[in-house]
PDB file of N, CA and C in Angstrom:
ATOM      1  N   UNK A   1     -47.924 -61.195  64.623  1.00  0.00           N
ATOM      2  CA  UNK A   1     -47.871 -60.038  65.409  1.00  0.00           C
ATOM      3  C   UNK A   1     -47.030 -60.239  67.111  1.00  0.00           C
ATOM      4  N   UNK A   2     -47.017 -62.029  67.376  1.00  0.00           N
ATOM      5  CA  UNK A   2     -45.963 -62.167  68.498  1.00  0.00           C
ATOM      6  C   UNK A   2     -44.690 -61.884  67.812  1.00  0.00           C
ATOM      7  N   UNK A   3     -43.904 -61.804  66.719  1.00  0.00           N
ATOM      8  CA  UNK A   3     -42.598 -62.031  66.362  1.00  0.00           C
ATOM      9  C   UNK A   3     -42.256 -60.569  66.530  1.00  0.00           C
ATOM     10  N   UNK A   4     -43.344 -59.516  66.648  1.00  0.00           N
ATOM     11  CA  UNK A   4     -42.574 -58.306  66.655  1.00  0.00           C
ATOM     12  C   UNK A   4     -42.937 -57.711  67.850  1.00  0.00           C
ATOM     13  N   UNK A   5     -43.718 -58.327  68.955  1.00  0.00           N
ATOM     14  CA  UNK A   5     -43.386 -58.254  70.137  1.00  0.00           C
ATOM     15  C   UNK A   5     -42.326 -58.245  70.656  1.00  0.00           C
ATOM     16  N   UNK A   6     -41.676 -59.671  70.360  1.00  0.00           N
ATOM     17  CA  UNK A   6     -40.379 -60.482  70.982  1.00  0.00           C
ATOM     18  C   UNK A   6     -39.774 -59.492  70.223  1.00  0.00           C
ATOM     19  N   UNK A   7     -39.426 -58.909  69.122  1.00  0.00           N
ATOM     20  CA  UNK A   7     -38.242 -58.333  68.653  1.00  0.00           C
ATOM     21  C   UNK A   7     -38.519 -56.697  69.133  1.00  0.00           C
ATOM     22  N   UNK A   8     -39.499 -56.164  70.096  1.00  0.00           N
ATOM     23  CA  UNK A   8     -39.356 -54.833  70.932  1.00  0.00           C
ATOM     24  C   UNK A   8     -38.969 -55.212  71.969  1.00  0.00           C
ATOM     25  N   UNK A   9     -39.397 -56.330  72.739  1.00  0.00           N
ATOM     26  CA  UNK A   9     -39.169 -56.370  73.888  1.00  0.00           C
ATOM     27  C   UNK A   9     -37.685 -57.058  74.316  1.00  0.00           C
ATOM     28  N   UNK A  10     -36.939 -57.611  73.076  1.00  0.00           N
ATOM     29  CA  UNK A  10     -35.728 -58.106  73.372  1.00  0.00           C
ATOM     30  C   UNK A  10     -34.826 -56.212  72.885  1.00  0.00           C
ATOM     31  N   UNK A  11     -35.389 -55.500  72.070  1.00  0.00           N
ATOM     32  CA  UNK A  11     -35.022 -53.930  72.144  1.00  0.00           C
ATOM     33  C   UNK A  11     -34.669 -53.594  73.360  1.00  0.00           C
ATOM     34  N   UNK A  12     -36.169 -53.608  73.926  1.00  0.00           N
ATOM     35  CA  UNK A  12     -36.190 -52.831  74.951  1.00  0.00           C
ATOM     36  C   UNK A  12     -35.157 -53.143  76.622  1.00  0.00           C
ATOM     37  N   UNK A  13     -35.209 -54.404  76.285  1.00  0.00           N
ATOM     38  CA  UNK A  13     -34.198 -55.529  77.801  1.00  0.00           C
ATOM     39  C   UNK A  13     -32.904 -54.398  77.961  1.00  0.00           C
ATOM     40  N   UNK A  14     -32.238 -54.392  78.703  1.00  0.00           N
ATOM     41  CA  UNK A  14     -31.034 -53.680  79.379  1.00  0.00           C
ATOM     42  C   UNK A  14     -30.268 -54.636  78.636  1.00  0.00           C
ATOM     43  N   UNK A  15     -28.892 -53.811  78.033  1.00  0.00           N
ATOM     44  CA  UNK A  15     -28.163 -54.968  77.924  1.00  0.00           C
ATOM     45  C   UNK A  15     -26.846 -54.687  78.394  1.00  0.00           C
ATOM     46  N   UNK A  16     -26.281 -55.948  78.928  1.00  0.00           N
ATOM     47  CA  UNK A  16     -25.222 -55.689  79.730  1.00  0.00           C
ATOM     48  C   UNK A  16     -23.641 -54.829  79.259  1.00  0.00           C
ATOM     49  N   UNK A  17     -22.418 -54.977  79.470  1.00  0.00           N
ATOM     50  CA  UNK A  17     -21.667 -54.288  79.318  1.00  0.00           C
ATOM     51  C   UNK A  17     -20.999 -55.422  78.284  1.00  0.00           C
ATOM     52  N   UNK A  18     -20.463 -54.852  76.833  1.00  0.00           N
ATOM     53  CA  UNK A  18     -19.629 -55.524  76.197  1.00  0.00           C
ATOM     54  C   UNK A  18     -18.012 -55.438  76.445  1.00  0.00           C
ATOM     55  N   UNK A  19     -17.639 -56.771  75.929  1.00  0.00           N
ATOM     56  CA  UNK A  19     -15.694 -56.670  76.382  1.00  0.00           C
ATOM     57  C   UNK A  19     -15.019 -55.045  75.747  1.00  0.00           C
ATOM     58  N   UNK A  20     -15.820 -54.967  74.525  1.00  0.00           N
ATOM     59  CA  UNK A  20     -15.607 -53.744  74.100  1.00  0.00           C
ATOM     60  C   UNK A  20     -15.088 -52.400  75.093  1.00  0.00           C
ATOM     61  N   UNK A  21     -16.538 -52.040  75.486  1.00  0.00           N
ATOM     62  CA  UNK A  21     -16.534 -51.441  76.747  1.00  0.00           C
ATOM     63  C   UNK A  21     -15.735 -50.986  77.708  1.00  0.00           C
ATOM     64  N   UNK A  22     -16.129 -52.738  78.316  1.00  0.00           N
ATOM     65  CA  UNK A  22     -15.454 -52.759  79.308  1.00  0.00           C
ATOM     66  C   UNK A  22     -13.793 -52.550  79.492  1.00  0.00           C
ATOM     67  N   UNK A  23     -13.217 -52.900  78.245  1.00  0.00           N
ATOM     68  CA  UNK A  23     -11.830 -52.838  78.185  1.00  0.00           C
ATOM     69  C   UNK A  23     -11.181 -51.037  77.943  1.00  0.00           C
ATOM     70  N   UNK A  24     -12.580 -50.441  77.436  1.00  0.00           N
ATOM     71  CA  UNK A  24     -12.200 -48.914  77.165  1.00  0.00           C
ATOM     72  C   UNK A  24     -12.069 -48.438  78.260  1.00  0.00           C
ATOM     73  N   UNK A  25     -13.325 -48.329  78.814  1.00  0.00           N
ATOM     74  CA  UNK A  25     -13.238 -47.914  80.317  1.00  0.00           C
ATOM     75  C   UNK A  25     -12.278 -48.584  81.631  1.00  0.00           C
ATOM     76  N   UNK A  26     -11.653 -49.513  81.736  1.00  0.00           N
ATOM     77  CA  UNK A  26     -10.885 -49.658  82.079  1.00  0.00           C
ATOM     78  C   UNK A  26      -9.695 -49.328  81.915  1.00  0.00           C
ATOM     79  N   UNK A  27      -8.950 -48.476  80.838  1.00  0.00           N
ATOM     80  CA  UNK A  27      -7.976 -48.425  80.484  1.00  0.00           C
ATOM     81  C   UNK A  27      -8.098 -47.036  80.800  1.00  0.00           C
ATOM     82  N   UNK A  28      -9.631 -46.221  80.333  1.00  0.00           N
ATOM     83  CA  UNK A  28      -9.363 -44.913  81.091  1.00  0.00           C
ATOM     84  C   UNK A  28      -9.060 -44.834  82.740  1.00  0.00           C
ATOM     85  N   UNK A  29      -9.889 -45.541  83.344  1.00  0.00           N
ATOM     86  CA  UNK A  29      -9.524 -45.863  84.941  1.00  0.00           C
ATOM     87  C   UNK A  29      -8.224 -46.253  85.205  1.00  0.00           C
ATOM     88  N   UNK A  30      -7.479 -46.654  84.720  1.00  0.00           N
ATOM     89  CA  UNK A  30      -6.144 -47.119  84.777  1.00  0.00           C
ATOM     90  C   UNK A  30      -4.997 -45.875  84.571  1.00  0.00           C
ATOM     91  N   UNK A  31      -5.115 -44.990  83.592  1.00  0.00           N
ATOM     92  CA  UNK A  31      -4.746 -44.259  82.950  1.00  0.00           C
ATOM     93  C   UNK A  31      -5.190 -42.982  84.153  1.00  0.00           C
ATOM     94  N   UNK A  32      -6.195 -42.853  83.960  1.00  0.00           N
ATOM     95  CA  UNK A  32      -6.655 -41.753  85.413  1.00  0.00           C
ATOM     96  C   UNK A  32      -5.946 -42.054  86.658  1.00  0.00           C
ATOM     97  N   UNK A  33      -5.872 -43.295  87.561  1.00  0.00           N
ATOM     98  CA  UNK A  33      -5.548 -43.624  88.461  1.00  0.00           C
ATOM     99  C   UNK A  33      -3.590 -43.422  88.278  1.00  0.00           C
ATOM    100  N   UNK A  34      -3.150 -43.823  87.508  1.00  0.00           N
ATOM    101  CA  UNK A  34      -1.752 -43.637  87.677  1.00  0.00           C
ATOM    102  C   UNK A  34      -1.161 -42.040  87.385  1.00  0.00           C
ATOM    103  N   UNK A  35      -2.416 -40.901  86.745  1.00  0.00           N
ATOM    104  CA  UNK A  35      -1.791 -40.041  86.784  1.00  0.00           C
ATOM    105  C   UNK A  35      -2.421 -39.162  88.085  1.00  0.00           C
ATOM    106  N   UNK A  36      -3.104 -39.658  89.098  1.00  0.00           N
ATOM    107  CA  UNK A  36      -3.407 -39.430  90.116  1.00  0.00           C
ATOM    108  C   UNK A  36      -2.674 -39.774  91.345  1.00  0.00           C
ATOM    109  N   UNK A  37      -2.394 -40.654  90.980  1.00  0.00           N
ATOM    110  CA  UNK A  37      -0.987 -41.386  91.831  1.00  0.00           C
ATOM    111  C   UNK A  37       0.066 -40.842  91.974  1.00  0.00           C
ATOM    112  N   UNK A  38       0.561 -40.102  90.611  1.00  0.00           N
ATOM    113  CA  UNK A  38       1.620 -39.533  90.353  1.00  0.00           C
ATOM    114  C   UNK A  38       1.464 -38.297  91.188  1.00  0.00           C
ATOM    115  N   UNK A  39       0.456 -37.607  90.822  1.00  0.00           N
ATOM    116  CA  UNK A  39       0.293 -36.735  91.422  1.00  0.00           C
ATOM    117  C   UNK A  39       0.283 -36.256  92.965  1.00  0.00           C
ATOM    118  N   UNK A  40      -0.256 -37.878  93.636  1.00  0.00           N
ATOM    119  CA  UNK A  40      -0.152 -37.339  94.776  1.00  0.00           C
ATOM    120  C   UNK A  40       1.205 -37.916  95.743  1.00  0.00           C
ATOM    121  N   UNK A  41       1.588 -38.597  94.727  1.00  0.00           N
ATOM    122  CA  UNK A  41       3.077 -39.119  95.473  1.00  0.00           C
ATOM    123  C   UNK A  41       3.837 -37.580  94.829  1.00  0.00           C
ATOM    124  N   UNK A  42       3.923 -37.093  94.424  1.00  0.00           N
ATOM    125  CA  UNK A  42       4.810 -35.544  94.176  1.00  0.00           C
ATOM    126  C   UNK A  42       4.790 -34.687  95.420  1.00  0.00           C
ATOM    127  N   UNK A  43       3.099 -34.776  95.606  1.00  0.00           N
ATOM    128  CA  UNK A  43       2.341 -33.867  96.566  1.00  0.00           C
ATOM    129  C   UNK A  43       3.062 -34.168  97.823  1.00  0.00           C
ATOM    130  N   UNK A  44       3.141 -35.272  98.046  1.00  0.00           N
ATOM    131  CA  UNK A  44       3.466 -35.924  99.213  1.00  0.00           C
ATOM    132  C   UNK A  44       5.292 -35.918  99.208  1.00  0.00           C
ATOM    133  N   UNK A  45       6.034 -35.618  98.307  1.00  0.00           N
ATOM    134  CA  UNK A  45       7.147 -35.226  98.375  1.00  0.00           C
ATOM    135  C   UNK A  45       7.917 -36.491  98.364  1.00  0.00           C
ATOM    136  N   UNK A  46       7.448 -38.154  98.043  1.00  0.00           N
ATOM    137  CA  UNK A  46       8.317 -38.849  97.096  1.00  0.00           C
ATOM    138  C   UNK A  46       8.706 -38.725  96.196  1.00  0.00           C
ATOM    139  N   UNK A  47       8.258 -38.471  95.597  1.00  0.00           N
ATOM    140  CA  UNK A  47       8.838 -38.364  93.836  1.00  0.00           C
ATOM    141  C   UNK A  47       9.397 -36.806  93.670  1.00  0.00           C
ATOM    142  N   UNK A  48      10.827 -36.583  93.789  1.00  0.00           N
ATOM    143  CA  UNK A  48      11.331 -35.419  93.473  1.00  0.00           C
ATOM    144  C   UNK A  48      11.955 -34.863  92.347  1.00  0.00           C
ATOM    145  N   UNK A  49      12.406 -33.445  91.844  1.00  0.00           N
ATOM    146  CA  UNK A  49      13.164 -32.932  91.080  1.00  0.00           C
ATOM    147  C   UNK A  49      14.537 -33.641  91.325  1.00  0.00           C
ATOM    148  N   UNK A  50      15.342 -33.656  90.414  1.00  0.00           N
ATOM    149  CA  UNK A  50      16.511 -33.878  90.384  1.00  0.00           C
ATOM    150  C   UNK A  50      17.658 -33.350  91.526  1.00  0.00           C
ATOM    151  N   UNK A  51      18.728 -34.077  92.002  1.00  0.00           N
ATOM    152  CA  UNK A  51      18.960 -33.360  93.410  1.00  0.00           C
ATOM    153  C   UNK A  51      20.313 -32.597  93.164  1.00  0.00           C
ATOM    154  N   UNK A  52      20.764 -32.568  91.822  1.00  0.00           N
ATOM    155  CA  UNK A  52      22.041 -31.656  91.675  1.00  0.00           C
ATOM    156  C   UNK A  52      21.654 -30.030  91.541  1.00  0.00           C
ATOM    157  N   UNK A  53      22.705 -29.453  92.278  1.00  0.00           N
ATOM    158  CA  UNK A  53      22.668 -28.737  92.732  1.00  0.00           C
ATOM    159  C   UNK A  53      22.192 -27.553  91.213  1.00  0.00           C
ATOM    160  N   UNK A  54      21.667 -26.465  90.956  1.00  0.00           N
ATOM    161  CA  UNK A  54      21.862 -25.862  89.682  1.00  0.00           C
ATOM    162  C   UNK A  54      23.161 -24.500  89.400  1.00  0.00           C
ATOM    163  N   UNK A  55      23.471 -24.159  88.637  1.00  0.00           N
ATOM    164  CA  UNK A  55      24.752 -23.920  87.917  1.00  0.00           C
ATOM    165  C   UNK A  55      24.454 -22.101  88.261  1.00  0.00           C
ATOM    166  N   UNK A  56      25.239 -21.393  88.785  1.00  0.00           N
ATOM    167  CA  UNK A  56      25.228 -20.479  89.025  1.00  0.00           C
ATOM    168  C   UNK A  56      24.429 -19.508  87.964  1.00  0.00           C
ATOM    169  N   UNK A  57      24.514 -20.001  86.475  1.00  0.00           N
ATOM    170  CA  UNK A  57      24.250 -19.140  85.476  1.00  0.00           C
ATOM    171  C   UNK A  57      22.940 -19.294  85.272  1.00  0.00           C
ATOM    172  N   UNK A  58      22.276 -20.107  85.861  1.00  0.00           N
ATOM    173  CA  UNK A  58      20.786 -20.756  85.879  1.00  0.00           C
ATOM    174  C   UNK A  58      20.060 -19.908  86.774  1.00  0.00           C
ATOM    175  N   UNK A  59      19.287 -18.051  86.416  1.00  0.00           N
ATOM    176  CA  UNK A  59      18.956 -17.857  87.346  1.00  0.00           C
ATOM    177  C   UNK A  59      17.182 -18.355  87.470  1.00  0.00           C
ATOM    178  N   UNK A  60      16.612 -18.974  86.649  1.00  0.00           N
ATOM    179  CA  UNK A  60      15.488 -20.145  87.159  1.00  0.00           C
ATOM    180  C   UNK A  60      15.701 -21.278  86.201  1.00  0.00           C
ATOM    181  N   UNK A  61      14.528 -22.118  86.327  1.00  0.00           N
ATOM    182  CA  UNK A  61      14.484 -23.205  85.521  1.00  0.00           C
ATOM    183  C   UNK A  61      14.280 -23.384  84.219  1.00  0.00           C
ATOM    184  N   UNK A  62      15.539 -23.377  83.398  1.00  0.00           N
ATOM    185  CA  UNK A  62      15.251 -22.664  81.807  1.00  0.00           C
ATOM    186  C   UNK A  62      15.733 -21.608  81.240  1.00  0.00           C
ATOM    187  N   UNK A  63      16.283 -20.803  82.327  1.00  0.00           N
ATOM    188  CA  UNK A  63      16.456 -19.580  82.138  1.00  0.00           C
ATOM    189  C   UNK A  63      17.851 -19.603  82.382  1.00  0.00           C
ATOM    190  N   UNK A  64      18.825 -19.108  81.298  1.00  0.00           N
ATOM    191  CA  UNK A  64      20.110 -18.727  81.365  1.00  0.00           C
ATOM    192  C   UNK A  64      20.745 -17.281  81.547  1.00  0.00           C
ATOM    193  N   UNK A  65      21.205 -16.987  82.231  1.00  0.00           N
ATOM    194  CA  UNK A  65      22.134 -15.483  81.790  1.00  0.00           C
ATOM    195  C   UNK A  65      23.743 -15.803  81.359  1.00  0.00           C
ATOM    196  N   UNK A  66      23.771 -15.477  80.472  1.00  0.00           N
ATOM    197  CA  UNK A  66      24.891 -15.834  79.885  1.00  0.00           C
ATOM    198  C   UNK A  66      25.914 -14.856  79.513  1.00  0.00           C
ATOM    199  N   UNK A  67      25.911 -13.946  80.442  1.00  0.00           N
ATOM    200  CA  UNK A  67      26.689 -13.316  81.022  1.00  0.00           C
ATOM    201  C   UNK A  67      27.359 -13.838  82.442  1.00  0.00           C
ATOM    202  N   UNK A  68      27.218 -14.599  83.134  1.00  0.00           N
ATOM    203  CA  UNK A  68      27.689 -15.228  84.021  1.00  0.00           C
ATOM    204  C   UNK A  68      28.010 -16.980  83.612  1.00  0.00           C
ATOM    205  N   UNK A  69      28.103 -17.600  82.572  1.00  0.00           N
ATOM    206  CA  UNK A  69      28.675 -18.409  82.313  1.00  0.00           C
ATOM    207  C   UNK A  69      30.354 -18.642  81.729  1.00  0.00           C
ATOM    208  N   UNK A  70      30.942 -19.148  82.189  1.00  0.00           N
ATOM    209  CA  UNK A  70      32.315 -19.112  82.540  1.00  0.00           C
ATOM    210  C   UNK A  70      32.585 -19.692  80.342  1.00  0.00           C
ATOM    211  N   UNK A  71      33.701 -19.333  80.089  1.00  0.00           N
ATOM    212  CA  UNK A  71      34.235 -19.568  78.472  1.00  0.00           C
ATOM    213  C   UNK A  71      34.336 -21.000  78.436  1.00  0.00           C
ATOM    214  N   UNK A  72      33.926 -21.645  77.671  1.00  0.00           N
ATOM    215  CA  UNK A  72      34.046 -23.067  77.352  1.00  0.00           C
ATOM    216  C   UNK A  72      32.905 -23.732  78.169  1.00  0.00           C
ATOM    217  N   UNK A  73      32.568 -23.208  79.206  1.00  0.00           N
ATOM    218  CA  UNK A  73      31.754 -24.356  80.063  1.00  0.00           C
ATOM    219  C   UNK A  73      30.541 -24.720  79.369  1.00  0.00           C
ATOM    220  N   UNK A  74      29.810 -24.334  78.659  1.00  0.00           N
ATOM    221  CA  UNK A  74      28.556 -24.781  77.764  1.00  0.00           C
ATOM    222  C   UNK A  74      28.756 -26.448  76.978  1.00  0.00           C
ATOM    223  N   UNK A  75      30.566 -26.494  76.376  1.00  0.00           N
ATOM    224  CA  UNK A  75      30.809 -27.690  76.291  1.00  0.00           C
ATOM    225  C   UNK A  75      31.192 -27.679  74.581  1.00  0.00           C
ATOM    226  N   UNK A  76      31.719 -28.410  74.503  1.00  0.00           N
ATOM    227  CA  UNK A  76      32.079 -28.788  72.424  1.00  0.00           C
ATOM    228  C   UNK A  76      33.204 -28.264  72.174  1.00  0.00           C
ATOM    229  N   UNK A  77      34.111 -28.004  71.008  1.00  0.00           N
ATOM    230  CA  UNK A  77      35.005 -27.909  70.991  1.00  0.00           C
ATOM    231  C   UNK A  77      35.162 -26.247  70.515  1.00  0.00           C
ATOM    232  N   UNK A  78      33.655 -26.001  69.986  1.00  0.00           N
ATOM    233  CA  UNK A  78      33.762 -24.227  69.936  1.00  0.00           C
ATOM    234  C   UNK A  78      32.244 -23.916  70.581  1.00  0.00           C
ATOM    235  N   UNK A  79      32.505 -23.597  71.615  1.00  0.00           N
ATOM    236  CA  UNK A  79      30.940 -23.290  72.468  1.00  0.00           C
ATOM    237  C   UNK A  79      30.560 -22.269  71.855  1.00  0.00           C
ATOM    238  N   UNK A  80      31.223 -21.102  71.298  1.00  0.00           N
ATOM    239  CA  UNK A  80      30.735 -19.690  71.369  1.00  0.00           C
ATOM    240  C   UNK A  80      30.632 -19.752  70.321  1.00  0.00           C
ATOM    241  N   UNK A  81      30.622 -20.666  69.067  1.00  0.00           N
ATOM    242  CA  UNK A  81      30.223 -20.533  67.504  1.00  0.00           C
ATOM    243  C   UNK A  81      29.166 -21.120  67.159  1.00  0.00           C
ATOM    244  N   UNK A  82      27.843 -20.224  66.326  1.00  0.00           N
ATOM    245  CA  UNK A  82      27.249 -21.035  66.401  1.00  0.00           C
ATOM    246  C   UNK A  82      27.021 -21.547  64.823  1.00  0.00           C
ATOM    247  N   UNK A  83      27.177 -22.663  64.562  1.00  0.00           N
ATOM    248  CA  UNK A  83      26.761 -23.055  63.047  1.00  0.00           C
ATOM    249  C   UNK A  83      25.436 -23.535  62.501  1.00  0.00           C
ATOM    250  N   UNK A  84      24.790 -22.885  61.204  1.00  0.00           N
ATOM    251  CA  UNK A  84      23.596 -23.051  60.710  1.00  0.00           C
ATOM    252  C   UNK A  84      23.708 -23.553  59.742  1.00  0.00           C
ATOM    253  N   UNK A  85      23.176 -24.970  59.588  1.00  0.00           N
ATOM    254  CA  UNK A  85      23.714 -25.824  58.462  1.00  0.00           C
ATOM    255  C   UNK A  85      21.879 -25.405  57.227  1.00  0.00           C
TER     256      UNK A  85
END
């Protein structure tokens, strides 16, 4: 009878944090802290986008008005030819 009481007491005792759990939570906290830090730096203006002026043909970031693009400005030997392989 005594051995079952001892086993029950060991199972009911609070267990400390294991190495694997500690590393898992520390990694999660590090990733969260990095994203939060980047967000704070961006909001404060320390991290900025490119300082180059946008071209005249780019109406919004990633949106191009191809009527305003000068011929040959997009680069390549034949910029206005589409090759599909």
